[in-house]
Amino acid sequence: MHIPQQIVINPPSADQGFLSKMRANLADGLQNIANFDFRVVGLLAVYKLPVLARLTVMTSNAPALSTFLSSSFVCPGILEQLYASDLSEGEQPLYAALTGEQLLARPVSHIENSAMVQFLQTVGRPGRLTYLQVTDVDDRKSVRKRTRKFWESWVIECTSFITTLCALRSLLYEDHDYVASVAVLGLLIANLLTKFVVRSRIDRSLRSYTENNFSSGSDESVEVFILLSQRRWFILGGKAHDVQKVCNQPWMAESSLLELCLGLLATILVYCSPLLIANATSAGALWFGMLLLGNLCLAHALSTLYTSMWLFGKKVRESKLMKSEGFEGVKELVESVSAKYRSDSWAVELGLLKHSDPHVS
């Protein structure tokens, strides 16, 4: 006689239930990604980020070819370059002469160059005295380091340029998405226009610079003490002519009618790109978003390479001979600097020391 075998069904274990739930959630997530409308990434073009504006401050007087290559940085914040002079937030730090007072037209004055103020805010550290130097662009002591930095920056700029060209080629010849291609071209033109406007305003400011404001001994070296907010201090050295140029000459001139029109055209091009991407294909919008984010990363990487600033044909950088020093308070700072330069008149002029206080010999 045949006895049927009893079949026992084991309930699913807790681990199997968890894995099944994870698979279901993963499938739902992939389905949501597939259904996501990538055309909303066009809004990235009008997002305000200061990366390009800070890069403009550091490289506004860089060689023309480098400026042309950097115009391929199609990323958020293109229009912020037009307002790069506002990055300093209106701060005008005081400076006073440590040496060569007779060589300076204004031994005690405010720094009116917004690019110089932005550079000081970038390199300064609270509670530390930083030594800076103004030199000619071609005055570099280490050719090997210069060559390495030169090639590193050019590799990043060329990478951005080639990436943009490859994205345009893919959009035109592979995806046949002409709408997204027009959006990318519009941002390229807008970036070129903003860089042209910025450089034009800087050149006009430089042309308005007159030698009559300075004394005849302007080629001699001087040093000035700069007092910045948040207990950040600097000693800037260089020729009197160069020091006053980077401190007292405004960075940008007022916009002319042509520059205002070009800036308006760039604004229109940037704000039209989200509308164009909204009518592009999902693949074209995805290419557009990847291009913007990739160039943003490259622009940030390039900005970290610049530890010096090109300004009016000069280069402002941290001194390689004098390292920054830390101080517990203003009194210790005044005593140290006054002892080194055998004078504390600079501290009196800046309000760090009262006339009734004993002078440090």
Foldseek 3Di string as FASTA:
>chain_A
DDDDDDDDDDDDDPVVVVVVVVVVVVVVVVVVVVVDQLLQLLVFLADADCLVLLVCLFCLPPDPVLLLLLLLLRAHHLLVNLVSLCPLVPDWWWKAWLPDCVFALPRIDTFQASSVSVLLVVPWDAQKEFEKEKFFPPPDDDPVVVVVLVVVLVVLSVVSVVLLVVLLCCCCPPVVWVLLNLLSVLSSLLNVLSSVLLSVQQVVLLVPDDPVSTDPQQQDKTWMWIDDPNRTIYIYIGGNVRVCCNGPRYRGHDGDPVSVVSSVSSVVSSVCSSVSSSPTDSVSSVSVSVSRVVSSVSSNVSSVSRQWGCGSSMIMHTDPVDGMDGDPDLVVVQLVSCVVSVDNVRCCSSVNDPPPDDGHD
